[in-house]
Amino acid sequence: SKLTSLGQLEMTWRSRVHFHPLLVRVLHKSRLRYYGKPEKKLDMPYQAYFEVADGSGMMSMVLWNSLCPEWYNSMKVGTVLLLEQYAIKTSYPFKTQPTPGDSQMKRFATIEISLNVRDPPTKISIIPEETVKPEWGLPEVKYRFITRSELDDLPNNHSCDVIGLVTFVGRAERARKREHGEDFWLYRWAHAIDGTSDQPFILELFATSQPDVFEHIHPSIHL
């Protein structure tokens, strides 16, 4: 079916009731939020914010209520989504806006995509990465941050990004680049925590292209 873009939505959303399908990539994912109150009898009062983008720019997307337990864990940073029968709402004005990985990417901040089980009932499809076509023009994810609680479930040699508070830094050590060679690698071990696990990230850091950073790593800094 005919697709629309985030840029076209921003220009035409006031004059439309139904919108063409959207093809977007998830660039940022918030924590799941519970907003239940005793006086409001909602079965699943959950909400999660995502930042999604296509070739025209980036926009907020909100996952509501019973769609959260169904879809939240499947929507990861980098996931490509086909969205049908969604709603467009005026953005909540006081929400913190994540910074795009690409500073040149346009930010559509006045409206947001609302996904719910009714009014209208949203249809969500996850597009496998191997079937994503370059001509769709979807942006790549610059950073793929994971938490310490997620680390143990990742496969060996998985490439990712981490951030944490340094709690320990070992002394600098040397290892020969080649047996009997004269060149050495300079490295040190460090521990960092991010509050999601009792266990730290254990980092082996080499002084390669950033020797100044390597020298100034110490406990209490963010890395």
N, C-alpha and C. Protein backbone atom coordinates (compact mmCIF):
# COMPACT_ATOMS: atom_id res chain seq x y z
N SER A 1 0.85 -1.19 0.00
CA SER A 1 0.00 0.00 0.00
C SER A 1 0.88 1.24 0.00
N LYS A 2 0.27 2.38 -0.26
CA LYS A 2 1.01 3.63 -0.31
C LYS A 2 1.50 4.01 1.08
N LEU A 3 2.76 4.41 1.16
CA LEU A 3 3.35 4.82 2.44
C LEU A 3 3.36 6.34 2.55
N THR A 4 3.43 6.83 3.77
CA THR A 4 3.65 8.25 4.01
C THR A 4 4.97 8.40 4.76
N SER A 5 5.38 9.63 5.02
CA SER A 5 6.62 9.88 5.76
C SER A 5 6.31 10.75 6.97
N LEU A 6 7.24 10.81 7.91
CA LEU A 6 7.04 11.65 9.09
C LEU A 6 6.93 13.12 8.69
N GLY A 7 7.71 13.54 7.69
CA GLY A 7 7.64 14.91 7.23
C GLY A 7 6.28 15.25 6.63
N GLN A 8 5.71 14.32 5.86
CA GLN A 8 4.39 14.54 5.28
C GLN A 8 3.31 14.58 6.36
N LEU A 9 3.48 13.74 7.39
CA LEU A 9 2.51 13.74 8.49
C LEU A 9 2.46 15.09 9.18
N GLU A 10 3.62 15.67 9.43
CA GLU A 10 3.66 16.95 10.13
C GLU A 10 2.93 18.03 9.34
N MET A 11 3.02 17.97 8.02
CA MET A 11 2.41 19.00 7.18
C MET A 11 0.91 18.79 6.99
N THR A 12 0.43 17.53 7.06
CA THR A 12 -0.95 17.25 6.66
C THR A 12 -1.83 16.68 7.76
N TRP A 13 -1.32 16.46 8.97
CA TRP A 13 -2.07 15.69 9.97
C TRP A 13 -3.38 16.36 10.39
N ARG A 14 -3.45 17.69 10.38
CA ARG A 14 -4.67 18.38 10.81
C ARG A 14 -5.82 18.19 9.82
N SER A 15 -5.49 17.93 8.58
CA SER A 15 -6.53 17.81 7.56
C SER A 15 -6.91 16.36 7.29
N ARG A 16 -6.38 15.43 8.07
CA ARG A 16 -6.64 14.01 7.82
C ARG A 16 -7.21 13.32 9.06
N VAL A 17 -8.00 12.29 8.83
CA VAL A 17 -8.49 11.43 9.91
C VAL A 17 -7.78 10.09 9.85
N HIS A 18 -7.58 9.58 8.64
CA HIS A 18 -6.88 8.31 8.44
C HIS A 18 -5.54 8.60 7.75
N PHE A 19 -4.52 7.85 8.13
CA PHE A 19 -3.18 8.10 7.62
C PHE A 19 -2.65 6.86 6.91
N HIS A 20 -1.84 7.10 5.88
CA HIS A 20 -1.20 5.99 5.18
C HIS A 20 -0.19 5.31 6.12
N PRO A 21 0.17 4.06 5.85
CA PRO A 21 1.14 3.36 6.70
C PRO A 21 2.49 4.08 6.76
N LEU A 22 3.19 3.85 7.86
CA LEU A 22 4.51 4.42 8.10
C LEU A 22 5.54 3.32 8.19
N LEU A 23 6.72 3.57 7.65
CA LEU A 23 7.84 2.65 7.77
C LEU A 23 8.96 3.41 8.47
N VAL A 24 9.30 2.98 9.70
CA VAL A 24 10.26 3.73 10.52
C VAL A 24 11.21 2.79 11.23
N ARG A 25 12.34 3.36 11.68
CA ARG A 25 13.30 2.60 12.49
C ARG A 25 13.35 3.20 13.90
N VAL A 26 13.39 2.34 14.92
CA VAL A 26 13.48 2.78 16.31
C VAL A 26 14.91 3.24 16.60
N LEU A 27 15.05 4.49 17.07
CA LEU A 27 16.37 5.04 17.40
C LEU A 27 16.59 5.19 18.90
N HIS A 28 15.50 5.25 19.66
CA HIS A 28 15.62 5.43 21.11
C HIS A 28 14.41 4.78 21.79
N LYS A 29 14.63 4.21 22.97
CA LYS A 29 13.57 3.49 23.69
C LYS A 29 13.61 3.89 25.15
N SER A 30 12.48 4.34 25.68
CA SER A 30 12.42 4.73 27.09
C SER A 30 12.09 3.52 27.97
N ARG A 31 12.15 3.73 29.26
CA ARG A 31 11.71 2.69 30.19
C ARG A 31 10.19 2.61 30.17
N LEU A 32 9.67 1.45 30.57
CA LEU A 32 8.22 1.26 30.66
C LEU A 32 7.71 2.04 31.88
N ARG A 33 6.64 2.82 31.67
CA ARG A 33 6.11 3.66 32.76
C ARG A 33 4.73 3.17 33.17
N TYR A 34 4.53 3.05 34.49
CA TYR A 34 3.22 2.68 35.05
C TYR A 34 2.54 3.96 35.55
N TYR A 35 1.32 4.23 35.07
CA TYR A 35 0.66 5.47 35.49
C TYR A 35 -0.70 5.20 36.13
N GLY A 36 -0.88 4.01 36.70
CA GLY A 36 -2.16 3.65 37.32
C GLY A 36 -2.46 4.45 38.57
N LYS A 37 -3.74 4.72 38.80
CA LYS A 37 -4.21 5.40 40.01
C LYS A 37 -5.42 4.65 40.55
N PRO A 38 -5.60 4.66 41.89
CA PRO A 38 -6.72 3.89 42.49
C PRO A 38 -8.08 4.26 41.94
N GLU A 39 -8.29 5.56 41.64
CA GLU A 39 -9.61 5.99 41.17
C GLU A 39 -9.86 5.69 39.70
N LYS A 40 -8.80 5.32 38.97
CA LYS A 40 -8.95 5.00 37.55
C LYS A 40 -8.77 3.49 37.35
N LYS A 41 -9.82 2.84 36.91
CA LYS A 41 -9.77 1.39 36.76
C LYS A 41 -9.35 1.02 35.34
N LEU A 42 -8.05 0.99 35.12
CA LEU A 42 -7.49 0.56 33.83
C LEU A 42 -6.83 -0.79 34.01
N ASP A 43 -7.05 -1.69 33.06
CA ASP A 43 -6.47 -3.03 33.17
C ASP A 43 -4.95 -3.00 33.12
N MET A 44 -4.40 -2.24 32.19
CA MET A 44 -2.94 -2.19 32.02
C MET A 44 -2.50 -0.75 31.79
N PRO A 45 -2.38 0.02 32.85
CA PRO A 45 -2.01 1.44 32.70
C PRO A 45 -0.50 1.63 32.49
N TYR A 46 -0.05 1.26 31.31
CA TYR A 46 1.38 1.37 30.98
C TYR A 46 1.57 2.30 29.79
N GLN A 47 2.77 2.85 29.72
CA GLN A 47 3.11 3.76 28.63
C GLN A 47 4.61 3.66 28.36
N ALA A 48 5.01 3.72 27.10
CA ALA A 48 6.44 3.72 26.75
C ALA A 48 6.65 4.64 25.56
N TYR A 49 7.68 5.47 25.67
CA TYR A 49 8.04 6.39 24.58
C TYR A 49 9.17 5.81 23.76
N PHE A 50 9.09 6.00 22.46
CA PHE A 50 10.15 5.63 21.53
C PHE A 50 10.42 6.84 20.63
N GLU A 51 11.62 6.91 20.10
CA GLU A 51 11.91 7.87 19.04
C GLU A 51 12.12 7.07 17.77
N VAL A 52 11.36 7.38 16.74
CA VAL A 52 11.44 6.64 15.48
C VAL A 52 11.79 7.62 14.35
N ALA A 53 12.38 7.09 13.29
CA ALA A 53 12.83 7.97 12.20
C ALA A 53 12.70 7.28 10.86
N ASP A 54 12.55 8.12 9.83
CA ASP A 54 12.65 7.67 8.44
C ASP A 54 13.56 8.65 7.71
N GLY A 55 13.53 8.64 6.40
CA GLY A 55 14.43 9.51 5.66
C GLY A 55 14.15 10.99 5.82
N SER A 56 12.96 11.35 6.36
CA SER A 56 12.60 12.76 6.48
C SER A 56 12.92 13.35 7.85
N GLY A 57 13.12 12.51 8.87
CA GLY A 57 13.41 13.03 10.20
C GLY A 57 13.00 12.08 11.30
N MET A 58 12.90 12.62 12.54
CA MET A 58 12.64 11.81 13.73
C MET A 58 11.43 12.36 14.49
N MET A 59 10.63 11.46 15.08
CA MET A 59 9.42 11.84 15.80
C MET A 59 9.21 10.89 16.98
N SER A 60 8.52 11.36 18.01
CA SER A 60 8.19 10.51 19.16
C SER A 60 7.03 9.58 18.81
N MET A 61 7.07 8.39 19.40
CA MET A 61 6.00 7.41 19.24
C MET A 61 5.66 6.88 20.64
N VAL A 62 4.36 6.80 20.96
CA VAL A 62 3.93 6.36 22.28
C VAL A 62 3.17 5.05 22.17
N LEU A 63 3.60 4.07 22.96
CA LEU A 63 2.94 2.76 23.04
C LEU A 63 2.10 2.76 24.31
N TRP A 64 0.80 2.43 24.18
CA TRP A 64 -0.12 2.57 25.30
C TRP A 64 -0.67 1.23 25.79
N ASN A 65 -0.87 1.16 27.11
CA ASN A 65 -1.69 0.18 27.80
C ASN A 65 -1.37 -1.27 27.41
N SER A 66 -2.35 -2.04 26.94
CA SER A 66 -2.13 -3.47 26.71
C SER A 66 -1.19 -3.76 25.56
N LEU A 67 -0.90 -2.77 24.72
CA LEU A 67 0.11 -2.98 23.67
C LEU A 67 1.52 -3.05 24.27
N CYS A 68 1.71 -2.49 25.47
CA CYS A 68 3.05 -2.48 26.08
C CYS A 68 3.55 -3.89 26.40
N PRO A 69 2.79 -4.71 27.17
CA PRO A 69 3.29 -6.07 27.42
C PRO A 69 3.39 -6.91 26.15
N GLU A 70 2.62 -6.58 25.13
CA GLU A 70 2.64 -7.36 23.89
C GLU A 70 3.84 -7.01 23.02
N TRP A 71 4.24 -5.70 23.00
CA TRP A 71 5.22 -5.25 22.02
C TRP A 71 6.50 -4.65 22.58
N TYR A 72 6.49 -4.21 23.85
CA TYR A 72 7.62 -3.43 24.37
C TYR A 72 8.96 -4.15 24.22
N ASN A 73 9.03 -5.41 24.61
CA ASN A 73 10.30 -6.14 24.56
C ASN A 73 10.74 -6.44 23.13
N SER A 74 9.82 -6.46 22.19
CA SER A 74 10.17 -6.75 20.79
C SER A 74 10.69 -5.52 20.06
N MET A 75 10.33 -4.34 20.54
CA MET A 75 10.75 -3.09 19.90
C MET A 75 12.07 -2.64 20.49
N LYS A 76 13.14 -3.00 19.81
CA LYS A 76 14.48 -2.66 20.28
C LYS A 76 15.04 -1.51 19.44
N VAL A 77 16.09 -0.89 19.95
CA VAL A 77 16.77 0.13 19.15
C VAL A 77 17.31 -0.54 17.88
N GLY A 78 16.96 0.00 16.74
CA GLY A 78 17.34 -0.59 15.46
C GLY A 78 16.21 -1.33 14.76
N THR A 79 15.14 -1.70 15.51
CA THR A 79 14.01 -2.42 14.92
C THR A 79 13.28 -1.56 13.88
N VAL A 80 12.94 -2.17 12.75
CA VAL A 80 12.16 -1.48 11.70
C VAL A 80 10.69 -1.89 11.85
N LEU A 81 9.81 -0.88 11.87
CA LEU A 81 8.38 -1.10 12.10
C LEU A 81 7.55 -0.62 10.92
N LEU A 82 6.51 -1.37 10.58
CA LEU A 82 5.47 -0.91 9.67
C LEU A 82 4.24 -0.64 10.53
N LEU A 83 3.79 0.61 10.56
CA LEU A 83 2.68 1.03 11.41
C LEU A 83 1.46 1.36 10.56
N GLU A 84 0.32 0.77 10.92
CA GLU A 84 -0.94 1.03 10.22
C GLU A 84 -2.02 1.34 11.25
N GLN A 85 -2.96 2.20 10.88
CA GLN A 85 -4.10 2.57 11.74
C GLN A 85 -3.64 3.16 13.07
N TYR A 86 -2.69 4.06 13.01
CA TYR A 86 -2.20 4.74 14.21
C TYR A 86 -2.91 6.09 14.32
N ALA A 87 -2.73 6.77 15.44
CA ALA A 87 -3.28 8.11 15.65
C ALA A 87 -2.14 9.12 15.75
N ILE A 88 -2.44 10.37 15.44
CA ILE A 88 -1.49 11.46 15.60
C ILE A 88 -2.03 12.43 16.64
N LYS A 89 -1.21 12.74 17.64
CA LYS A 89 -1.60 13.64 18.72
C LYS A 89 -0.60 14.79 18.83
N THR A 90 -1.04 15.87 19.44
CA THR A 90 -0.13 16.97 19.76
C THR A 90 0.83 16.48 20.84
N SER A 91 2.11 16.80 20.72
CA SER A 91 3.12 16.32 21.66
C SER A 91 2.91 16.90 23.05
N TYR A 92 3.24 16.10 24.06
CA TYR A 92 3.29 16.60 25.44
C TYR A 92 4.42 17.60 25.52
N PRO A 93 4.14 18.85 25.92
CA PRO A 93 5.15 19.92 25.77
C PRO A 93 6.35 19.85 26.70
N PHE A 94 6.24 19.09 27.82
CA PHE A 94 7.32 19.13 28.81
C PHE A 94 8.18 17.87 28.80
N LYS A 95 8.01 17.04 27.77
CA LYS A 95 8.80 15.81 27.70
C LYS A 95 10.24 16.12 27.29
N THR A 96 11.19 15.44 27.94
CA THR A 96 12.60 15.58 27.56
C THR A 96 12.82 14.93 26.20
N GLN A 97 13.47 15.65 25.30
CA GLN A 97 13.69 15.15 23.94
C GLN A 97 15.08 14.54 23.83
N PRO A 98 15.20 13.24 23.51
CA PRO A 98 16.54 12.66 23.30
C PRO A 98 17.24 13.32 22.12
N THR A 99 18.56 13.39 22.20
CA THR A 99 19.35 13.97 21.12
C THR A 99 19.54 12.94 20.01
N PRO A 100 19.25 13.30 18.76
CA PRO A 100 19.48 12.34 17.66
C PRO A 100 20.97 12.01 17.54
N GLY A 101 21.28 10.77 17.17
CA GLY A 101 22.68 10.41 16.93
C GLY A 101 23.28 11.20 15.78
N ASP A 102 22.43 11.56 14.82
CA ASP A 102 22.85 12.36 13.67
C ASP A 102 22.41 13.80 13.89
N SER A 103 23.35 14.71 14.05
CA SER A 103 23.03 16.11 14.35
C SER A 103 22.31 16.79 13.19
N GLN A 104 22.39 16.22 11.98
CA GLN A 104 21.74 16.81 10.82
C GLN A 104 20.28 16.35 10.68
N MET A 105 19.85 15.39 11.50
CA MET A 105 18.50 14.85 11.36
C MET A 105 17.45 15.85 11.85
N LYS A 106 16.40 16.04 11.07
CA LYS A 106 15.33 16.96 11.44
C LYS A 106 14.48 16.36 12.55
N ARG A 107 14.06 17.20 13.50
CA ARG A 107 13.27 16.74 14.64
C ARG A 107 11.86 17.29 14.53
N PHE A 108 10.85 16.41 14.44
CA PHE A 108 9.45 16.82 14.41
C PHE A 108 8.92 16.74 15.84
N ALA A 109 8.85 17.89 16.52
CA ALA A 109 8.55 17.90 17.95
C ALA A 109 7.13 18.34 18.29
N THR A 110 6.34 18.76 17.32
CA THR A 110 5.01 19.29 17.64
C THR A 110 3.95 18.19 17.75
N ILE A 111 4.19 17.05 17.10
CA ILE A 111 3.22 15.95 17.13
C ILE A 111 3.92 14.65 17.49
N GLU A 112 3.13 13.63 17.85
CA GLU A 112 3.67 12.31 18.15
C GLU A 112 2.71 11.23 17.66
N ILE A 113 3.27 10.06 17.41
CA ILE A 113 2.49 8.92 16.95
C ILE A 113 1.96 8.17 18.16
N SER A 114 0.67 7.89 18.18
CA SER A 114 0.04 7.20 19.30
C SER A 114 -0.43 5.82 18.86
N LEU A 115 0.04 4.78 19.56
CA LEU A 115 -0.33 3.40 19.24
C LEU A 115 -1.18 2.84 20.37
N ASN A 116 -2.40 2.42 20.05
CA ASN A 116 -3.32 1.94 21.06
C ASN A 116 -4.12 0.76 20.51
N VAL A 117 -4.87 0.11 21.42
CA VAL A 117 -5.66 -1.06 20.99
C VAL A 117 -7.00 -0.63 20.40
N ARG A 118 -7.35 0.65 20.53
CA ARG A 118 -8.59 1.15 19.96
C ARG A 118 -8.45 2.63 19.64
N ASP A 119 -9.41 3.15 18.88
CA ASP A 119 -9.47 4.58 18.51
C ASP A 119 -8.22 5.10 17.84
N PRO A 120 -7.73 4.58 16.76
CA PRO A 120 -8.10 3.31 16.11
C PRO A 120 -7.24 2.15 16.64
N PRO A 121 -7.62 0.90 16.35
CA PRO A 121 -6.79 -0.24 16.76
C PRO A 121 -5.55 -0.35 15.87
N THR A 122 -4.41 -0.05 16.43
CA THR A 122 -3.17 0.00 15.65
C THR A 122 -2.72 -1.39 15.21
N LYS A 123 -2.24 -1.47 13.98
CA LYS A 123 -1.62 -2.70 13.48
C LYS A 123 -0.12 -2.46 13.39
N ILE A 124 0.66 -3.29 14.09
CA ILE A 124 2.12 -3.16 14.14
C ILE A 124 2.75 -4.39 13.49
N SER A 125 3.72 -4.17 12.61
CA SER A 125 4.47 -5.27 12.02
C SER A 125 5.96 -4.98 12.16
N ILE A 126 6.73 -5.98 12.59
CA ILE A 126 8.19 -5.85 12.67
C ILE A 126 8.78 -6.40 11.37
N ILE A 127 9.58 -5.58 10.69
CA ILE A 127 10.21 -5.98 9.44
C ILE A 127 11.59 -6.58 9.75
N PRO A 128 11.84 -7.85 9.39
CA PRO A 128 13.15 -8.44 9.66
C PRO A 128 14.27 -7.63 9.01
N GLU A 129 15.39 -7.48 9.71
CA GLU A 129 16.48 -6.64 9.23
C GLU A 129 17.00 -7.10 7.88
N GLU A 130 16.99 -8.41 7.63
CA GLU A 130 17.55 -8.91 6.37
C GLU A 130 16.66 -8.57 5.17
N THR A 131 15.42 -8.13 5.40
CA THR A 131 14.55 -7.76 4.29
C THR A 131 14.43 -6.25 4.11
N VAL A 132 15.11 -5.48 4.96
CA VAL A 132 15.08 -4.01 4.84
C VAL A 132 15.87 -3.59 3.60
N LYS A 133 15.27 -2.76 2.78
CA LYS A 133 15.89 -2.36 1.51
C LYS A 133 16.55 -0.98 1.62
N PRO A 134 17.73 -0.80 1.02
CA PRO A 134 18.40 0.51 1.06
C PRO A 134 17.55 1.64 0.50
N GLU A 135 16.73 1.34 -0.51
CA GLU A 135 15.93 2.40 -1.14
C GLU A 135 14.84 2.95 -0.22
N TRP A 136 14.58 2.28 0.90
CA TRP A 136 13.62 2.83 1.85
C TRP A 136 14.17 4.07 2.55
N GLY A 137 15.48 4.24 2.54
CA GLY A 137 16.09 5.44 3.10
C GLY A 137 16.01 5.56 4.61
N LEU A 138 15.91 4.45 5.30
CA LEU A 138 15.83 4.50 6.76
C LEU A 138 17.20 4.79 7.36
N PRO A 139 17.29 5.64 8.39
CA PRO A 139 18.59 5.96 8.99
C PRO A 139 19.16 4.77 9.75
N GLU A 140 20.46 4.70 9.81
CA GLU A 140 21.13 3.67 10.60
C GLU A 140 21.23 4.14 12.05
N VAL A 141 21.35 3.20 12.96
CA VAL A 141 21.51 3.53 14.38
C VAL A 141 22.99 3.77 14.65
N LYS A 142 23.30 4.95 15.16
CA LYS A 142 24.70 5.29 15.42
C LYS A 142 25.22 4.61 16.68
N TYR A 143 24.38 4.56 17.72
CA TYR A 143 24.77 3.92 18.98
C TYR A 143 23.75 2.87 19.36
N ARG A 144 24.23 1.76 19.89
CA ARG A 144 23.35 0.69 20.36
C ARG A 144 23.69 0.40 21.82
N PHE A 145 23.19 1.26 22.73
CA PHE A 145 23.50 1.12 24.15
C PHE A 145 22.75 -0.05 24.76
N ILE A 146 23.44 -0.79 25.61
CA ILE A 146 22.80 -1.86 26.38
C ILE A 146 23.11 -1.62 27.85
N THR A 147 22.25 -2.16 28.73
CA THR A 147 22.47 -2.05 30.17
C THR A 147 23.21 -3.27 30.68
N ARG A 148 23.73 -3.17 31.91
CA ARG A 148 24.46 -4.31 32.49
C ARG A 148 23.53 -5.49 32.68
N SER A 149 22.25 -5.23 32.99
CA SER A 149 21.31 -6.34 33.18
C SER A 149 21.05 -7.10 31.88
N GLU A 150 21.27 -6.45 30.73
CA GLU A 150 21.05 -7.10 29.44
C GLU A 150 22.29 -7.83 28.94
N LEU A 151 23.45 -7.52 29.53
CA LEU A 151 24.72 -8.00 28.98
C LEU A 151 24.83 -9.52 28.94
N ASP A 152 24.38 -10.19 30.00
CA ASP A 152 24.57 -11.65 30.09
C ASP A 152 23.77 -12.42 29.05
N ASP A 153 22.76 -11.78 28.47
CA ASP A 153 21.92 -12.46 27.47
C ASP A 153 22.41 -12.25 26.05
N LEU A 154 23.49 -11.47 25.87
CA LEU A 154 23.98 -11.19 24.52
C LEU A 154 24.93 -12.29 24.04
N PRO A 155 24.94 -12.56 22.75
CA PRO A 155 25.84 -13.60 22.22
C PRO A 155 27.30 -13.16 22.26
N ASN A 156 28.20 -14.12 22.18
CA ASN A 156 29.63 -13.83 22.16
C ASN A 156 29.99 -12.97 20.95
N ASN A 157 30.89 -12.00 21.14
CA ASN A 157 31.36 -11.09 20.09
C ASN A 157 30.29 -10.12 19.60
N HIS A 158 29.21 -9.94 20.38
CA HIS A 158 28.17 -8.96 20.01
C HIS A 158 28.74 -7.55 20.15
N SER A 159 28.49 -6.71 19.16
CA SER A 159 28.98 -5.32 19.18
C SER A 159 27.91 -4.41 19.78
N CYS A 160 28.28 -3.59 20.78
CA CYS A 160 27.30 -2.73 21.44
C CYS A 160 28.02 -1.55 22.08
N ASP A 161 27.25 -0.63 22.68
CA ASP A 161 27.78 0.52 23.38
C ASP A 161 27.31 0.47 24.83
N VAL A 162 28.14 0.92 25.76
CA VAL A 162 27.78 0.94 27.18
C VAL A 162 28.18 2.29 27.78
N ILE A 163 27.52 2.63 28.88
CA ILE A 163 27.87 3.83 29.64
C ILE A 163 27.70 3.50 31.12
N GLY A 164 28.61 4.00 31.95
CA GLY A 164 28.51 3.70 33.37
C GLY A 164 29.45 4.56 34.21
N LEU A 165 29.29 4.45 35.51
CA LEU A 165 30.13 5.17 36.47
C LEU A 165 31.30 4.28 36.84
N VAL A 166 32.52 4.78 36.65
CA VAL A 166 33.73 3.99 36.92
C VAL A 166 33.90 3.81 38.43
N THR A 167 34.09 2.56 38.87
CA THR A 167 34.28 2.26 40.30
C THR A 167 35.67 1.70 40.60
N PHE A 168 36.36 1.25 39.57
CA PHE A 168 37.70 0.67 39.77
C PHE A 168 38.51 0.83 38.50
N VAL A 169 39.80 1.17 38.66
CA VAL A 169 40.72 1.24 37.52
C VAL A 169 42.02 0.54 37.92
N GLY A 170 42.43 -0.44 37.14
CA GLY A 170 43.68 -1.16 37.42
C GLY A 170 44.89 -0.41 36.87
N ARG A 171 46.05 -0.89 37.22
CA ARG A 171 47.28 -0.25 36.73
C ARG A 171 47.48 -0.56 35.24
N ALA A 172 48.19 0.29 34.57
CA ALA A 172 48.49 0.07 33.16
C ALA A 172 49.43 -1.12 33.00
N GLU A 173 49.15 -1.98 32.04
CA GLU A 173 49.97 -3.16 31.78
C GLU A 173 50.36 -3.19 30.31
N ARG A 174 51.35 -3.99 30.01
CA ARG A 174 51.82 -4.10 28.62
C ARG A 174 51.75 -5.55 28.16
N ALA A 175 51.45 -5.73 26.89
CA ALA A 175 51.45 -7.06 26.27
C ALA A 175 52.08 -6.93 24.89
N ARG A 176 52.93 -7.87 24.55
CA ARG A 176 53.60 -7.82 23.24
C ARG A 176 52.58 -7.99 22.12
N LYS A 177 52.73 -7.16 21.08
CA LYS A 177 51.86 -7.30 19.91
C LYS A 177 52.16 -8.59 19.16
N ARG A 178 53.44 -8.94 19.09
CA ARG A 178 53.86 -10.20 18.46
C ARG A 178 54.90 -10.85 19.35
N GLU A 179 54.89 -12.17 19.36
CA GLU A 179 55.87 -12.90 20.17
C GLU A 179 57.29 -12.53 19.72
N HIS A 180 58.15 -12.20 20.68
CA HIS A 180 59.54 -11.79 20.46
C HIS A 180 59.65 -10.43 19.75
N GLY A 181 58.49 -9.73 19.58
CA GLY A 181 58.55 -8.41 18.93
C GLY A 181 58.89 -7.32 19.94
N GLU A 182 59.15 -6.13 19.42
CA GLU A 182 59.52 -5.01 20.28
C GLU A 182 58.34 -4.09 20.57
N ASP A 183 57.23 -4.26 19.86
CA ASP A 183 56.08 -3.38 20.06
C ASP A 183 55.13 -3.97 21.10
N PHE A 184 54.50 -3.07 21.88
CA PHE A 184 53.61 -3.50 22.95
C PHE A 184 52.25 -2.82 22.82
N TRP A 185 51.22 -3.55 23.30
CA TRP A 185 49.92 -2.94 23.56
C TRP A 185 49.94 -2.45 25.01
N LEU A 186 49.40 -1.24 25.25
CA LEU A 186 49.25 -0.73 26.61
C LEU A 186 47.76 -0.82 26.96
N TYR A 187 47.44 -1.47 28.09
CA TYR A 187 46.03 -1.66 28.44
C TYR A 187 45.85 -1.61 29.95
N ARG A 188 44.61 -1.46 30.37
CA ARG A 188 44.27 -1.52 31.79
C ARG A 188 42.84 -2.03 31.92
N TRP A 189 42.51 -2.56 33.10
CA TRP A 189 41.17 -3.06 33.37
C TRP A 189 40.40 -2.01 34.17
N ALA A 190 39.10 -1.91 33.94
CA ALA A 190 38.25 -0.99 34.68
C ALA A 190 36.89 -1.63 34.93
N HIS A 191 36.25 -1.21 36.01
CA HIS A 191 34.87 -1.63 36.31
C HIS A 191 33.98 -0.40 36.25
N ALA A 192 32.76 -0.55 35.72
CA ALA A 192 31.79 0.54 35.67
C ALA A 192 30.40 -0.03 35.97
N ILE A 193 29.57 0.76 36.64
CA ILE A 193 28.21 0.33 37.00
C ILE A 193 27.20 1.28 36.38
N ASP A 194 25.97 0.75 36.11
CA ASP A 194 24.92 1.62 35.57
C ASP A 194 23.62 1.53 36.35
N GLY A 195 23.64 0.83 37.49
CA GLY A 195 22.47 0.78 38.35
C GLY A 195 21.43 -0.26 37.99
N THR A 196 21.64 -1.02 36.93
CA THR A 196 20.65 -2.04 36.54
C THR A 196 21.00 -3.43 37.04
N SER A 197 22.19 -3.58 37.64
CA SER A 197 22.65 -4.89 38.11
C SER A 197 23.64 -4.71 39.26
N ASP A 198 23.76 -5.75 40.09
CA ASP A 198 24.77 -5.73 41.15
C ASP A 198 26.17 -5.94 40.58
N GLN A 199 26.24 -6.44 39.36
CA GLN A 199 27.53 -6.71 38.73
C GLN A 199 27.97 -5.53 37.87
N PRO A 200 29.28 -5.24 37.81
CA PRO A 200 29.74 -4.14 36.98
C PRO A 200 30.02 -4.59 35.54
N PHE A 201 30.15 -3.63 34.64
CA PHE A 201 30.79 -3.90 33.36
C PHE A 201 32.29 -4.08 33.65
N ILE A 202 32.90 -5.13 33.14
CA ILE A 202 34.35 -5.32 33.26
C ILE A 202 34.95 -4.99 31.90
N LEU A 203 35.76 -3.93 31.88
CA LEU A 203 36.23 -3.36 30.62
C LEU A 203 37.74 -3.52 30.50
N GLU A 204 38.20 -4.02 29.37
CA GLU A 204 39.62 -4.06 29.05
C GLU A 204 39.88 -2.92 28.06
N LEU A 205 40.60 -1.91 28.51
CA LEU A 205 40.77 -0.68 27.75
C LEU A 205 42.19 -0.57 27.23
N PHE A 206 42.32 -0.31 25.91
CA PHE A 206 43.63 -0.19 25.29
C PHE A 206 43.91 1.27 24.96
N ALA A 207 45.16 1.70 25.13
CA ALA A 207 45.58 3.05 24.77
C ALA A 207 46.01 3.04 23.31
N THR A 208 45.04 3.17 22.44
CA THR A 208 45.34 3.13 21.00
C THR A 208 45.23 4.53 20.42
N SER A 209 44.03 4.91 19.96
CA SER A 209 43.87 6.21 19.32
C SER A 209 43.58 7.33 20.31
N GLN A 210 43.33 6.99 21.59
CA GLN A 210 42.98 8.01 22.58
C GLN A 210 43.85 7.88 23.84
N PRO A 211 45.17 8.05 23.71
CA PRO A 211 46.04 7.89 24.88
C PRO A 211 45.76 8.88 26.00
N ASP A 212 45.32 10.10 25.68
CA ASP A 212 45.02 11.09 26.72
C ASP A 212 43.83 10.65 27.57
N VAL A 213 42.80 10.12 26.91
CA VAL A 213 41.63 9.61 27.64
C VAL A 213 42.05 8.44 28.52
N PHE A 214 42.87 7.56 27.98
CA PHE A 214 43.34 6.39 28.70
C PHE A 214 44.03 6.79 30.01
N GLU A 215 44.83 7.83 29.97
CA GLU A 215 45.61 8.27 31.14
C GLU A 215 44.73 8.89 32.22
N HIS A 216 43.59 9.45 31.84
CA HIS A 216 42.78 10.19 32.82
C HIS A 216 41.52 9.44 33.28
N ILE A 217 41.48 8.13 33.05
CA ILE A 217 40.36 7.34 33.56
C ILE A 217 40.59 7.06 35.04
N HIS A 218 39.59 7.41 35.87
CA HIS A 218 39.72 7.17 37.31
C HIS A 218 38.34 6.95 37.90
N PRO A 219 38.23 6.38 39.10
CA PRO A 219 36.93 6.17 39.73
C PRO A 219 36.16 7.48 39.88
N SER A 220 34.84 7.38 39.75
CA SER A 220 33.86 8.46 39.90
C SER A 220 33.59 9.22 38.60
N ILE A 221 34.28 8.90 37.49
CA ILE A 221 33.93 9.54 36.22
C ILE A 221 32.97 8.63 35.45
N HIS A 222 32.24 9.23 34.51
CA HIS A 222 31.38 8.44 33.62
C HIS A 222 32.15 8.09 32.36
N LEU A 223 32.00 6.86 31.95
CA LEU A 223 32.78 6.33 30.81
C LEU A 223 31.83 5.71 29.81
